[in-house]
N, C-alpha and C. Protein backbone atom coordinates (compact mmCIF):
# COMPACT_ATOMS: atom_id res chain seq x y z
N MET A 1 15.08 -8.82 15.92
CA MET A 1 13.48 -8.64 16.05
C MET A 1 12.09 -9.78 15.84
N ALA A 2 11.63 -9.38 16.92
CA ALA A 2 10.81 -10.41 17.09
C ALA A 2 9.28 -10.23 16.27
N GLU A 3 9.12 -11.51 16.06
CA GLU A 3 7.43 -10.96 15.05
C GLU A 3 6.31 -10.89 15.42
N MET A 4 5.59 -10.24 15.32
CA MET A 4 4.36 -10.22 16.19
C MET A 4 2.96 -11.07 15.35
N ALA A 5 2.65 -11.56 16.50
CA ALA A 5 1.41 -12.70 15.67
C ALA A 5 0.20 -11.50 15.17
N THR A 6 -0.16 -12.35 13.87
CA THR A 6 -1.41 -11.27 13.24
C THR A 6 -2.65 -12.65 13.50
N ALA A 7 -3.63 -11.84 13.44
CA ALA A 7 -5.23 -12.76 13.59
C ALA A 7 -5.52 -13.10 12.38
N ALA A 8 -5.68 -14.22 12.34
CA ALA A 8 -6.04 -15.23 10.80
C ALA A 8 -7.29 -13.99 10.45
N THR A 9 -7.80 -14.09 9.16
CA THR A 9 -9.04 -13.61 8.49
C THR A 9 -9.56 -14.98 8.19
N TRP A 10 -10.57 -14.81 8.64
CA TRP A 10 -11.71 -16.10 8.22
C TRP A 10 -12.86 -15.71 7.21
N TYR A 11 -13.08 -16.82 6.30
CA TYR A 11 -14.41 -15.83 5.51
C TYR A 11 -15.51 -17.11 5.97
N THR A 12 -16.60 -16.50 5.32
CA THR A 12 -17.38 -17.78 5.47
C THR A 12 -18.20 -17.88 3.49
N TYR A 13 -18.41 -18.89 2.88
CA TYR A 13 -18.13 -19.31 1.69
C TYR A 13 -18.73 -18.16 0.52
N ARG A 14 -19.41 -17.31 0.59
CA ARG A 14 -19.36 -16.65 0.25
C ARG A 14 -18.51 -15.61 -0.31
N GLY A 15 -17.78 -15.08 1.37
CA GLY A 15 -16.66 -14.32 1.44
C GLY A 15 -15.10 -14.73 0.75
N ALA A 16 -15.59 -16.10 1.04
CA ALA A 16 -14.00 -16.74 0.35
C ALA A 16 -14.09 -16.63 -1.10
N ALA A 17 -15.26 -16.70 -1.90
CA ALA A 17 -15.80 -16.97 -2.99
C ALA A 17 -15.38 -15.63 -3.55
N ALA A 18 -15.83 -14.38 -2.94
CA ALA A 18 -15.60 -13.14 -3.32
C ALA A 18 -13.95 -12.80 -3.11
N ARG A 19 -13.44 -13.24 -2.46
CA ARG A 19 -11.92 -13.03 -2.22
C ARG A 19 -10.99 -13.96 -3.21
N ALA A 20 -11.31 -14.94 -3.49
CA ALA A 20 -10.57 -15.90 -4.54
C ALA A 20 -11.16 -15.44 -5.83
N GLU A 21 -12.26 -14.77 -5.80
CA GLU A 21 -13.18 -14.47 -7.30
C GLU A 21 -13.55 -15.92 -7.87
N ARG A 22 -14.09 -16.87 -7.36
CA ARG A 22 -14.25 -18.19 -7.67
C ARG A 22 -15.95 -18.18 -7.06
N SER A 23 -16.85 -19.19 -7.37
CA SER A 23 -17.85 -19.15 -7.30
C SER A 23 -18.03 -19.76 -5.90
N VAL A 24 -19.10 -19.82 -5.30
CA VAL A 24 -19.49 -20.35 -3.77
C VAL A 24 -19.42 -21.66 -4.19
N ARG A 25 -20.07 -22.22 -5.22
CA ARG A 25 -20.01 -23.96 -5.69
C ARG A 25 -18.72 -24.08 -5.80
N SER A 26 -17.38 -23.64 -6.30
CA SER A 26 -16.23 -23.96 -6.13
C SER A 26 -15.73 -23.90 -4.94
N ILE A 27 -15.71 -22.85 -4.23
CA ILE A 27 -15.28 -23.26 -2.94
C ILE A 27 -15.67 -23.99 -1.87
N LYS A 28 -17.34 -24.64 -2.15
CA LYS A 28 -17.81 -25.80 -1.44
C LYS A 28 -16.94 -27.32 -1.91
N ARG A 29 -16.89 -27.34 -3.04
CA ARG A 29 -16.10 -28.33 -3.76
C ARG A 29 -14.74 -28.45 -3.07
N TRP A 30 -13.98 -27.53 -3.08
CA TRP A 30 -12.60 -27.26 -2.21
C TRP A 30 -12.42 -27.98 -1.25
N VAL A 31 -13.61 -27.64 -0.27
CA VAL A 31 -13.75 -28.34 1.07
C VAL A 31 -14.20 -29.69 1.07
N ARG A 32 -15.22 -29.81 0.23
CA ARG A 32 -15.44 -31.52 -0.03
C ARG A 32 -14.35 -32.12 -0.47
N GLU A 33 -13.20 -31.77 -1.23
CA GLU A 33 -12.30 -32.55 -1.56
C GLU A 33 -11.18 -32.35 -0.74
N GLY A 34 -11.29 -31.52 0.47
CA GLY A 34 -10.10 -32.05 1.46
C GLY A 34 -9.88 -30.26 2.01
N MET A 35 -9.86 -29.38 1.27
CA MET A 35 -9.34 -28.09 1.81
C MET A 35 -10.03 -27.61 3.48
N ALA A 36 -9.11 -27.28 4.24
CA ALA A 36 -9.66 -27.36 5.80
C ALA A 36 -10.47 -26.24 5.78
N ALA A 37 -11.36 -26.28 6.69
CA ALA A 37 -12.45 -25.02 6.75
C ALA A 37 -13.07 -25.74 8.33
N GLY A 38 -13.59 -24.62 9.11
CA GLY A 38 -14.07 -24.71 10.27
C GLY A 38 -15.61 -24.56 10.29
N TRP A 39 -15.39 -24.23 11.76
CA TRP A 39 -17.44 -23.88 12.04
C TRP A 39 -17.06 -22.52 12.90
N ASP A 40 -18.08 -21.53 12.45
CA ASP A 40 -17.91 -20.06 13.78
C ASP A 40 -19.32 -20.62 14.71
N ASP A 41 -19.44 -19.48 15.53
CA ASP A 41 -20.44 -19.85 16.61
C ASP A 41 -21.74 -20.15 16.00
N GLU A 42 -21.89 -19.59 14.95
CA GLU A 42 -23.58 -19.77 14.72
C GLU A 42 -23.54 -21.03 13.77
N GLY A 43 -22.58 -21.44 13.51
CA GLY A 43 -22.90 -23.16 12.94
C GLY A 43 -22.53 -22.71 11.17
N ARG A 44 -22.11 -21.68 10.79
CA ARG A 44 -21.44 -21.73 9.45
C ARG A 44 -20.24 -21.82 9.20
N ARG A 45 -19.87 -22.56 8.25
CA ARG A 45 -18.56 -23.08 7.66
C ARG A 45 -17.38 -21.92 7.52
N ILE A 46 -16.68 -21.85 7.98
CA ILE A 46 -15.22 -20.73 7.68
C ILE A 46 -14.37 -21.27 7.30
N ILE A 47 -13.49 -20.32 6.43
CA ILE A 47 -12.29 -20.91 5.54
C ILE A 47 -11.41 -20.09 5.91
N ARG A 48 -9.86 -20.36 6.76
CA ARG A 48 -9.40 -19.22 6.96
C ARG A 48 -8.22 -18.61 5.39
N GLU A 49 -7.97 -17.45 5.50
CA GLU A 49 -7.26 -17.22 4.25
C GLU A 49 -6.04 -17.41 3.62
N ASP A 50 -5.35 -17.85 5.00
CA ASP A 50 -4.07 -18.35 4.14
C ASP A 50 -4.51 -19.52 3.69
N LEU A 51 -5.22 -20.56 3.88
CA LEU A 51 -5.52 -21.86 3.36
C LEU A 51 -6.46 -21.84 2.13
N LEU A 52 -7.01 -20.52 2.13
CA LEU A 52 -7.89 -20.36 0.86
C LEU A 52 -6.78 -20.04 -0.10
N LEU A 53 -6.21 -19.20 -0.10
CA LEU A 53 -5.22 -18.75 -0.80
C LEU A 53 -4.41 -19.60 -1.39
N ALA A 54 -4.05 -20.53 -0.44
CA ALA A 54 -3.09 -21.83 -0.84
C ALA A 54 -3.60 -22.81 -1.56
N GLU A 55 -4.66 -22.94 -1.61
CA GLU A 55 -5.72 -23.88 -2.34
C GLU A 55 -5.84 -23.50 -3.72
N LEU A 56 -6.61 -21.72 -3.74
CA LEU A 56 -6.34 -21.16 -5.21
C LEU A 56 -4.95 -21.47 -5.62
N ARG A 57 -3.80 -20.80 -4.87
CA ARG A 57 -2.35 -21.34 -5.70
C ARG A 57 -2.12 -22.74 -6.55
N ARG A 58 -2.81 -23.19 -5.71
CA ARG A 58 -2.18 -25.39 -5.65
C ARG A 58 -3.23 -25.13 -7.29
N ARG A 59 -4.73 -24.85 -7.46
CA ARG A 59 -5.42 -25.37 -8.29
C ARG A 59 -4.88 -24.56 -9.67
N LEU A 60 -4.19 -23.46 -9.66
CA LEU A 60 -3.96 -22.23 -10.19
C LEU A 60 -2.93 -23.08 -11.12
N ASP A 61 -1.54 -23.61 -10.44
CA ASP A 61 -0.75 -24.17 -10.60
C ASP A 61 -0.76 -25.34 -11.55
N ALA A 62 -2.21 -25.93 -11.28
CA ALA A 62 -2.32 -27.60 -11.56
C ALA A 62 -3.10 -27.14 -12.98
N ASN A 63 -3.54 -26.14 -13.31
CA ASN A 63 -4.30 -25.54 -14.59
C ASN A 63 -3.49 -25.32 -15.59
N PRO A 64 -3.54 -26.07 -16.83
CA PRO A 64 -2.64 -25.92 -17.84
C PRO A 64 -3.07 -24.45 -18.87
N ALA A 65 -4.00 -24.31 -18.72
CA ALA A 65 -4.89 -23.06 -19.20
C ALA A 65 -4.37 -22.06 -18.66
N HIS A 66 -4.01 -22.07 -17.42
CA HIS A 66 -3.50 -20.72 -16.82
C HIS A 66 -2.18 -20.54 -16.89
N GLN A 67 -1.42 -21.76 -16.82
CA GLN A 67 -0.29 -21.87 -17.16
C GLN A 67 0.05 -20.98 -18.67
N TYR A 68 -0.09 -21.42 -19.54
CA TYR A 68 -0.08 -20.76 -20.88
C TYR A 68 -0.64 -19.78 -20.66
N ARG A 69 -1.59 -19.00 -20.14
CA ARG A 69 -1.88 -17.75 -19.86
C ARG A 69 -0.94 -17.04 -19.80
N ILE A 70 -0.05 -17.44 -18.65
CA ILE A 70 1.05 -17.00 -17.91
C ILE A 70 2.01 -16.64 -18.54
N ARG A 71 2.55 -17.64 -19.24
CA ARG A 71 3.66 -17.93 -20.43
C ARG A 71 3.60 -16.99 -21.49
N ARG A 72 2.10 -16.86 -21.67
CA ARG A 72 1.96 -15.84 -23.07
C ARG A 72 2.41 -14.30 -22.85
N GLU A 73 1.93 -13.78 -20.83
CA GLU A 73 1.79 -12.45 -20.78
C GLU A 73 3.54 -12.49 -20.52
N LEU A 74 4.35 -13.21 -19.88
CA LEU A 74 5.47 -13.24 -20.06
C LEU A 74 6.58 -12.98 -20.90
N GLY A 75 5.91 -13.70 -21.81
CA GLY A 75 6.71 -13.70 -23.29
C GLY A 75 7.95 -14.97 -23.45
N ASP A 76 7.25 -15.59 -22.38
CA ASP A 76 8.12 -16.74 -22.00
C ASP A 76 8.18 -18.25 -23.38
N THR A 77 7.02 -18.33 -23.89
CA THR A 77 6.83 -19.22 -25.12
C THR A 77 6.47 -18.33 -26.31
N PRO A 78 6.91 -18.92 -27.26
CA PRO A 78 6.27 -18.35 -28.75
C PRO A 78 5.09 -18.79 -28.46
N VAL A 79 3.90 -18.00 -29.24
CA VAL A 79 2.69 -18.08 -29.78
C VAL A 79 2.17 -18.23 -30.90
N GLU A 80 2.91 -18.53 -31.60
CA GLU A 80 2.66 -18.71 -33.23
C GLU A 80 2.55 -19.85 -33.28
N GLY A 81 1.54 -20.48 -34.10
CA GLY A 81 1.20 -21.41 -34.39
C GLY A 81 0.67 -22.39 -33.45
N TRP A 82 -0.03 -21.83 -32.43
CA TRP A 82 -0.83 -22.45 -31.26
C TRP A 82 -2.35 -22.42 -31.44
N SER A 83 -2.78 -23.29 -31.47
CA SER A 83 -4.37 -23.18 -31.22
C SER A 83 -4.54 -22.37 -29.96
């Protein structure tokens, strides 16, 4: 079965921030730190959804507080005695 190509979804900074549930400032910082972004016909920065979500996942995976929260919710690690 042949795969159908789907059109990529693009977001402005504000749209990307809403999609990732982060601030516009954070999205701008991610672009400054190397996340790929393009320009639209009106001169605005745009970010492809798959790249945005990959960057969000990468940053969540690198965040120890997020990892502790996930472990606690899954019951993977005992939480007694943790501060």
